[in-house]
């Protein structure tokens, strides 16, 4: 499934440059994750880098966008050929 950034985000700027898919951008108030680009770093890393670098643990699974590993890998292929 895609990930989301909770409202507790402090805009520390740690996650945005770490996303290999360019899925994280600064929204109106906090950083946001584009579900169409988020692969949970499948195809790039063992774990989602945004989760690894977040100092306040505010990146969580997005239960509104549930995807299995095959779907995430297909999205990776679509994004990166």
C-alpha atoms as a PDB file:
ATOM      1  CA  UNK A   1       0.000   0.000   0.000  1.00  0.00           C
ATOM      2  CA  UNK A   2       1.066   3.562  -0.398  1.00  0.00           C
ATOM      3  CA  UNK A   3       2.252   5.575   2.555  1.00  0.00           C
ATOM      4  CA  UNK A   4       0.925   8.812   3.981  1.00  0.00           C
ATOM      5  CA  UNK A   5       2.320  11.556   6.157  1.00  0.00           C
ATOM      6  CA  UNK A   6       0.280  12.319   9.240  1.00  0.00           C
ATOM      7  CA  UNK A   7      -0.765  15.793  10.371  1.00  0.00           C
ATOM      8  CA  UNK A   8       1.891  15.596  13.082  1.00  0.00           C
ATOM      9  CA  UNK A   9       4.539  16.269  10.381  1.00  0.00           C
ATOM     10  CA  UNK A  10       6.915  19.061  11.449  1.00  0.00           C
ATOM     11  CA  UNK A  11       8.133  19.849   7.907  1.00  0.00           C
ATOM     12  CA  UNK A  12      11.699  18.900   8.764  1.00  0.00           C
ATOM     13  CA  UNK A  13      12.562  18.349   5.065  1.00  0.00           C
ATOM     14  CA  UNK A  14      14.100  14.911   5.680  1.00  0.00           C
ATOM     15  CA  UNK A  15      11.741  12.786   3.574  1.00  0.00           C
ATOM     16  CA  UNK A  16      11.401  14.762   0.354  1.00  0.00           C
ATOM     17  CA  UNK A  17      14.977  14.403  -0.925  1.00  0.00           C
ATOM     18  CA  UNK A  18      15.093  10.723   0.056  1.00  0.00           C
ATOM     19  CA  UNK A  19      12.152   9.590  -2.092  1.00  0.00           C
ATOM     20  CA  UNK A  20      13.493   7.825  -5.220  1.00  0.00           C
ATOM     21  CA  UNK A  21      10.132   8.215  -6.977  1.00  0.00           C
ATOM     22  CA  UNK A  22       9.613  11.932  -6.385  1.00  0.00           C
ATOM     23  CA  UNK A  23       6.369  11.071  -4.601  1.00  0.00           C
ATOM     24  CA  UNK A  24       6.836  13.502  -1.695  1.00  0.00           C
ATOM     25  CA  UNK A  25       6.133  17.201  -2.043  1.00  0.00           C
ATOM     26  CA  UNK A  26       5.367  20.056   0.303  1.00  0.00           C
ATOM     27  CA  UNK A  27       1.617  20.542   0.452  1.00  0.00           C
ATOM     28  CA  UNK A  28      -0.343  23.505   1.796  1.00  0.00           C
ATOM     29  CA  UNK A  29       0.624  22.725   5.399  1.00  0.00           C
ATOM     30  CA  UNK A  30       2.715  19.542   5.549  1.00  0.00           C
ATOM     31  CA  UNK A  31       4.552  17.194   3.240  1.00  0.00           C
ATOM     32  CA  UNK A  32       2.314  14.892   1.205  1.00  0.00           C
ATOM     33  CA  UNK A  33       2.835  11.601  -0.620  1.00  0.00           C
ATOM     34  CA  UNK A  34       1.430  11.101  -4.120  1.00  0.00           C
ATOM     35  CA  UNK A  35      -0.131   7.621  -3.989  1.00  0.00           C
ATOM     36  CA  UNK A  36       0.343   7.223  -7.755  1.00  0.00           C
ATOM     37  CA  UNK A  37       4.123   7.485  -7.296  1.00  0.00           C
ATOM     38  CA  UNK A  38       4.650   5.765  -3.937  1.00  0.00           C
ATOM     39  CA  UNK A  39       6.001   2.226  -4.236  1.00  0.00           C
ATOM     40  CA  UNK A  40       7.168   1.998  -0.600  1.00  0.00           C
ATOM     41  CA  UNK A  41      10.625   2.030  -2.225  1.00  0.00           C
ATOM     42  CA  UNK A  42      10.075  -1.421  -3.761  1.00  0.00           C
ATOM     43  CA  UNK A  43      12.537  -1.676  -6.627  1.00  0.00           C
ATOM     44  CA  UNK A  44      14.940   0.693  -4.870  1.00  0.00           C
ATOM     45  CA  UNK A  45      15.475  -0.192  -1.207  1.00  0.00           C
ATOM     46  CA  UNK A  46      14.634  -2.802   1.420  1.00  0.00           C
ATOM     47  CA  UNK A  47      12.496  -0.318   3.397  1.00  0.00           C
ATOM     48  CA  UNK A  48      10.765   2.954   2.599  1.00  0.00           C
ATOM     49  CA  UNK A  49      13.390   5.653   3.058  1.00  0.00           C
ATOM     50  CA  UNK A  50      10.862   8.242   4.200  1.00  0.00           C
ATOM     51  CA  UNK A  51       9.971   6.000   7.143  1.00  0.00           C
ATOM     52  CA  UNK A  52      13.656   5.478   7.948  1.00  0.00           C
ATOM     53  CA  UNK A  53      14.555   9.177   8.018  1.00  0.00           C
ATOM     54  CA  UNK A  54      11.450  10.601   9.710  1.00  0.00           C
ATOM     55  CA  UNK A  55      12.518  11.853  13.151  1.00  0.00           C
ATOM     56  CA  UNK A  56       8.986  11.809  14.578  1.00  0.00           C
ATOM     57  CA  UNK A  57       7.620   8.609  13.035  1.00  0.00           C
ATOM     58  CA  UNK A  58       4.747  10.281  11.162  1.00  0.00           C
ATOM     59  CA  UNK A  59       4.900   8.247   7.928  1.00  0.00           C
ATOM     60  CA  UNK A  60       2.376   5.428   8.094  1.00  0.00           C
ATOM     61  CA  UNK A  61       0.585   3.021   5.741  1.00  0.00           C
ATOM     62  CA  UNK A  62      -2.278   4.649   3.856  1.00  0.00           C
ATOM     63  CA  UNK A  63      -5.195   2.330   4.550  1.00  0.00           C
ATOM     64  CA  UNK A  64      -7.224   4.090   1.847  1.00  0.00           C
ATOM     65  CA  UNK A  65      -4.734   2.914  -0.800  1.00  0.00           C
ATOM     66  CA  UNK A  66      -3.999  -0.732  -0.114  1.00  0.00           C
ATOM     67  CA  UNK A  67      -1.672  -2.389  -2.643  1.00  0.00           C
ATOM     68  CA  UNK A  68       0.182  -5.687  -2.483  1.00  0.00           C
ATOM     69  CA  UNK A  69       3.851  -6.125  -3.373  1.00  0.00           C
ATOM     70  CA  UNK A  70       3.040  -7.110  -6.970  1.00  0.00           C
ATOM     71  CA  UNK A  71       1.037  -3.919  -7.501  1.00  0.00           C
ATOM     72  CA  UNK A  72       3.833  -1.814  -5.990  1.00  0.00           C
ATOM     73  CA  UNK A  73       6.411  -3.505  -8.217  1.00  0.00           C
ATOM     74  CA  UNK A  74       4.215  -2.909 -11.287  1.00  0.00           C
ATOM     75  CA  UNK A  75       4.005   0.753 -10.314  1.00  0.00           C
ATOM     76  CA  UNK A  76       7.822   0.863 -10.006  1.00  0.00           C
ATOM     77  CA  UNK A  77       8.148  -0.583 -13.536  1.00  0.00           C
ATOM     78  CA  UNK A  78       5.614   1.940 -14.859  1.00  0.00           C
ATOM     79  CA  UNK A  79       7.516   4.832 -13.260  1.00  0.00           C
ATOM     80  CA  UNK A  80      11.039   3.731 -14.145  1.00  0.00           C
ATOM     81  CA  UNK A  81      10.664   1.463 -17.150  1.00  0.00           C
END
